[in-house]
Amino acid sequence: MTDPLFELTSFQRDLLYVVVGETDPSGQEIKAELETVVDEITHGRLYPNLDTLVKKGYVEKGEIDRRTNFYQVTEMGFEALQARRNWEDRYVDL
Protein backbone atom coordinates (compact mmCIF):
# COMPACT_ATOMS: atom_id res chain seq x y z
CA MET A 1 0.00 0.00 0.00
CA THR A 2 1.33 3.43 -0.83
CA ASP A 3 0.95 6.38 1.50
CA PRO A 4 -1.27 8.90 -0.30
CA LEU A 5 0.23 11.70 1.81
CA PHE A 6 3.81 10.85 0.82
CA GLU A 7 3.51 13.29 -2.09
CA LEU A 8 2.81 16.17 0.32
CA THR A 9 5.42 18.27 2.06
CA SER A 10 5.70 17.97 5.83
CA PHE A 11 4.19 21.47 6.10
CA GLN A 12 1.18 20.39 4.04
CA ARG A 13 0.73 17.32 6.24
CA ASP A 14 0.92 19.55 9.33
CA LEU A 15 -1.76 21.79 7.83
CA LEU A 16 -3.95 18.76 7.23
CA TYR A 17 -3.54 17.60 10.84
CA VAL A 18 -4.55 21.05 12.13
CA VAL A 19 -7.58 21.23 9.84
CA VAL A 20 -8.82 17.79 10.94
CA GLY A 21 -8.32 18.74 14.59
CA GLU A 22 -10.37 21.93 14.47
CA THR A 23 -13.96 22.69 13.50
CA ASP A 24 -14.03 24.64 10.23
CA PRO A 25 -10.93 26.72 10.99
CA SER A 26 -10.13 29.86 9.04
CA GLY A 27 -6.70 30.27 7.49
CA GLN A 28 -5.73 32.62 10.31
CA GLU A 29 -6.83 30.08 12.94
CA ILE A 30 -4.75 27.39 11.22
CA LYS A 31 -1.79 29.78 11.08
CA ALA A 32 -2.14 30.68 14.78
CA GLU A 33 -2.29 27.02 15.80
CA LEU A 34 0.81 26.08 13.81
CA GLU A 35 2.69 29.09 15.12
CA THR A 36 2.45 27.59 18.60
CA VAL A 37 5.07 25.06 17.47
CA VAL A 38 6.92 26.71 14.56
CA ASP A 39 8.24 30.16 13.74
CA GLU A 40 6.17 32.74 11.91
CA ILE A 41 4.23 31.49 8.90
CA THR A 42 3.80 33.97 6.08
CA HIS A 43 0.66 34.51 4.03
CA GLY A 44 2.69 33.50 0.96
CA ARG A 45 3.47 30.13 2.51
CA LEU A 46 0.15 29.36 4.17
CA TYR A 47 -2.45 29.94 1.47
CA PRO A 48 -0.69 28.34 -1.52
CA ASN A 49 -0.19 25.20 0.58
CA LEU A 50 -3.83 25.18 1.70
CA ASP A 51 -4.83 25.62 -1.96
CA THR A 52 -2.68 22.60 -2.85
CA LEU A 53 -4.57 20.51 -0.29
CA VAL A 54 -7.86 21.71 -1.80
CA LYS A 55 -6.71 20.91 -5.36
CA LYS A 56 -5.59 17.43 -4.33
CA GLY A 57 -8.98 16.78 -2.73
CA TYR A 58 -7.83 16.44 0.89
CA VAL A 59 -9.51 19.65 2.07
CA GLU A 60 -12.59 21.65 1.07
CA LYS A 61 -12.71 25.43 1.28
CA GLY A 62 -15.86 27.38 2.10
CA GLU A 63 -16.62 31.02 2.63
CA ILE A 64 -17.36 32.59 6.02
CA ASP A 65 -17.57 36.11 4.55
CA ARG A 66 -16.09 37.99 1.62
CA ARG A 67 -12.64 38.06 3.22
CA THR A 68 -12.53 34.85 5.24
CA ASN A 69 -12.58 31.21 4.22
CA PHE A 70 -12.93 28.10 6.32
CA TYR A 71 -11.40 24.70 5.69
CA GLN A 72 -12.57 21.15 6.40
CA VAL A 73 -11.01 17.79 5.74
CA THR A 74 -12.74 15.69 3.09
CA GLU A 75 -13.47 12.00 3.51
CA MET A 76 -10.50 11.32 1.23
CA GLY A 77 -8.29 13.50 3.44
CA PHE A 78 -9.47 11.79 6.60
CA GLU A 79 -8.85 8.33 5.12
CA ALA A 80 -5.39 9.41 3.96
CA LEU A 81 -4.58 10.64 7.47
CA GLN A 82 -5.77 7.35 8.93
CA ALA A 83 -3.60 5.40 6.49
CA ARG A 84 -0.64 7.62 7.36
CA ARG A 85 -1.16 7.08 11.10
CA ASN A 86 -1.41 3.32 10.59
CA TRP A 87 1.87 3.38 8.66
CA GLU A 88 3.55 5.50 11.36
CA ASP A 89 2.30 3.14 14.07
CA ARG A 90 4.17 0.27 12.40
CA TYR A 91 7.43 2.04 13.20
CA VAL A 92 6.71 4.05 16.33
CA ASP A 93 5.48 2.28 19.44
CA LEU A 94 4.89 4.86 22.15
C-alpha atoms as a PDB file:
ATOM      1  CA  MET A   1       0.000   0.000   0.000  1.00  0.00           C
ATOM      2  CA  THR A   2       1.333   3.433  -0.829  1.00  0.00           C
ATOM      3  CA  ASP A   3       0.946   6.377   1.502  1.00  0.00           C
ATOM      4  CA  PRO A   4      -1.273   8.904  -0.298  1.00  0.00           C
ATOM      5  CA  LEU A   5       0.229  11.696   1.811  1.00  0.00           C
ATOM      6  CA  PHE A   6       3.809  10.854   0.816  1.00  0.00           C
ATOM      7  CA  GLU A   7       3.515  13.295  -2.092  1.00  0.00           C
ATOM      8  CA  LEU A   8       2.812  16.168   0.318  1.00  0.00           C
ATOM      9  CA  THR A   9       5.422  18.273   2.058  1.00  0.00           C
ATOM     10  CA  SER A  10       5.700  17.967   5.825  1.00  0.00           C
ATOM     11  CA  PHE A  11       4.189  21.469   6.099  1.00  0.00           C
ATOM     12  CA  GLN A  12       1.177  20.392   4.036  1.00  0.00           C
ATOM     13  CA  ARG A  13       0.729  17.319   6.243  1.00  0.00           C
ATOM     14  CA  ASP A  14       0.917  19.548   9.330  1.00  0.00           C
ATOM     15  CA  LEU A  15      -1.760  21.792   7.834  1.00  0.00           C
ATOM     16  CA  LEU A  16      -3.947  18.759   7.233  1.00  0.00           C
ATOM     17  CA  TYR A  17      -3.535  17.599  10.838  1.00  0.00           C
ATOM     18  CA  VAL A  18      -4.552  21.047  12.134  1.00  0.00           C
ATOM     19  CA  VAL A  19      -7.582  21.229   9.837  1.00  0.00           C
ATOM     20  CA  VAL A  20      -8.823  17.792  10.938  1.00  0.00           C
ATOM     21  CA  GLY A  21      -8.316  18.736  14.592  1.00  0.00           C
ATOM     22  CA  GLU A  22     -10.374  21.931  14.470  1.00  0.00           C
ATOM     23  CA  THR A  23     -13.958  22.692  13.496  1.00  0.00           C
ATOM     24  CA  ASP A  24     -14.034  24.643  10.229  1.00  0.00           C
ATOM     25  CA  PRO A  25     -10.930  26.724  10.988  1.00  0.00           C
ATOM     26  CA  SER A  26     -10.128  29.863   9.037  1.00  0.00           C
ATOM     27  CA  GLY A  27      -6.700  30.266   7.489  1.00  0.00           C
ATOM     28  CA  GLN A  28      -5.726  32.620  10.308  1.00  0.00           C
ATOM     29  CA  GLU A  29      -6.828  30.080  12.939  1.00  0.00           C
ATOM     30  CA  ILE A  30      -4.752  27.392  11.219  1.00  0.00           C
ATOM     31  CA  LYS A  31      -1.787  29.780  11.081  1.00  0.00           C
ATOM     32  CA  ALA A  32      -2.136  30.675  14.779  1.00  0.00           C
ATOM     33  CA  GLU A  33      -2.291  27.025  15.802  1.00  0.00           C
ATOM     34  CA  LEU A  34       0.808  26.079  13.805  1.00  0.00           C
ATOM     35  CA  GLU A  35       2.694  29.092  15.117  1.00  0.00           C
ATOM     36  CA  THR A  36       2.453  27.588  18.605  1.00  0.00           C
ATOM     37  CA  VAL A  37       5.066  25.056  17.473  1.00  0.00           C
ATOM     38  CA  VAL A  38       6.919  26.712  14.557  1.00  0.00           C
ATOM     39  CA  ASP A  39       8.236  30.165  13.736  1.00  0.00           C
ATOM     40  CA  GLU A  40       6.172  32.736  11.913  1.00  0.00           C
ATOM     41  CA  ILE A  41       4.233  31.491   8.896  1.00  0.00           C
ATOM     42  CA  THR A  42       3.801  33.973   6.077  1.00  0.00           C
ATOM     43  CA  HIS A  43       0.662  34.514   4.025  1.00  0.00           C
ATOM     44  CA  GLY A  44       2.689  33.501   0.962  1.00  0.00           C
ATOM     45  CA  ARG A  45       3.473  30.128   2.512  1.00  0.00           C
ATOM     46  CA  LEU A  46       0.146  29.364   4.168  1.00  0.00           C
ATOM     47  CA  TYR A  47      -2.449  29.938   1.475  1.00  0.00           C
ATOM     48  CA  PRO A  48      -0.691  28.344  -1.518  1.00  0.00           C
ATOM     49  CA  ASN A  49      -0.191  25.200   0.575  1.00  0.00           C
ATOM     50  CA  LEU A  50      -3.834  25.184   1.703  1.00  0.00           C
ATOM     51  CA  ASP A  51      -4.828  25.621  -1.962  1.00  0.00           C
ATOM     52  CA  THR A  52      -2.677  22.595  -2.850  1.00  0.00           C
ATOM     53  CA  LEU A  53      -4.569  20.508  -0.287  1.00  0.00           C
ATOM     54  CA  VAL A  54      -7.858  21.709  -1.797  1.00  0.00           C
ATOM     55  CA  LYS A  55      -6.714  20.914  -5.358  1.00  0.00           C
ATOM     56  CA  LYS A  56      -5.594  17.427  -4.331  1.00  0.00           C
ATOM     57  CA  GLY A  57      -8.985  16.784  -2.730  1.00  0.00           C
ATOM     58  CA  TYR A  58      -7.832  16.435   0.893  1.00  0.00           C
ATOM     59  CA  VAL A  59      -9.511  19.648   2.068  1.00  0.00           C
ATOM     60  CA  GLU A  60     -12.592  21.646   1.067  1.00  0.00           C
ATOM     61  CA  LYS A  61     -12.707  25.425   1.280  1.00  0.00           C
ATOM     62  CA  GLY A  62     -15.856  27.376   2.102  1.00  0.00           C
ATOM     63  CA  GLU A  63     -16.625  31.023   2.633  1.00  0.00           C
ATOM     64  CA  ILE A  64     -17.360  32.593   6.017  1.00  0.00           C
ATOM     65  CA  ASP A  65     -17.575  36.108   4.553  1.00  0.00           C
ATOM     66  CA  ARG A  66     -16.086  37.994   1.619  1.00  0.00           C
ATOM     67  CA  ARG A  67     -12.636  38.059   3.219  1.00  0.00           C
ATOM     68  CA  THR A  68     -12.526  34.852   5.240  1.00  0.00           C
ATOM     69  CA  ASN A  69     -12.580  31.208   4.217  1.00  0.00           C
ATOM     70  CA  PHE A  70     -12.930  28.099   6.325  1.00  0.00           C
ATOM     71  CA  TYR A  71     -11.401  24.699   5.690  1.00  0.00           C
ATOM     72  CA  GLN A  72     -12.571  21.152   6.397  1.00  0.00           C
ATOM     73  CA  VAL A  73     -11.009  17.792   5.740  1.00  0.00           C
ATOM     74  CA  THR A  74     -12.736  15.692   3.093  1.00  0.00           C
ATOM     75  CA  GLU A  75     -13.467  12.003   3.514  1.00  0.00           C
ATOM     76  CA  MET A  76     -10.501  11.324   1.231  1.00  0.00           C
ATOM     77  CA  GLY A  77      -8.292  13.503   3.442  1.00  0.00           C
ATOM     78  CA  PHE A  78      -9.471  11.787   6.600  1.00  0.00           C
ATOM     79  CA  GLU A  79      -8.854   8.330   5.119  1.00  0.00           C
ATOM     80  CA  ALA A  80      -5.390   9.410   3.955  1.00  0.00           C
ATOM     81  CA  LEU A  81      -4.576  10.640   7.468  1.00  0.00           C
ATOM     82  CA  GLN A  82      -5.773   7.349   8.933  1.00  0.00           C
ATOM     83  CA  ALA A  83      -3.596   5.402   6.490  1.00  0.00           C
ATOM     84  CA  ARG A  84      -0.635   7.623   7.364  1.00  0.00           C
ATOM     85  CA  ARG A  85      -1.163   7.083  11.105  1.00  0.00           C
ATOM     86  CA  ASN A  86      -1.409   3.316  10.588  1.00  0.00           C
ATOM     87  CA  TRP A  87       1.866   3.381   8.656  1.00  0.00           C
ATOM     88  CA  GLU A  88       3.550   5.503  11.362  1.00  0.00           C
ATOM     89  CA  ASP A  89       2.302   3.140  14.071  1.00  0.00           C
ATOM     90  CA  ARG A  90       4.174   0.270  12.396  1.00  0.00           C
ATOM     91  CA  TYR A  91       7.434   2.039  13.198  1.00  0.00           C
ATOM     92  CA  VAL A  92       6.713   4.047  16.332  1.00  0.00           C
ATOM     93  CA  ASP A  93       5.480   2.278  19.441  1.00  0.00           C
ATOM     94  CA  LEU A  94       4.891   4.857  22.145  1.00  0.00           C
END
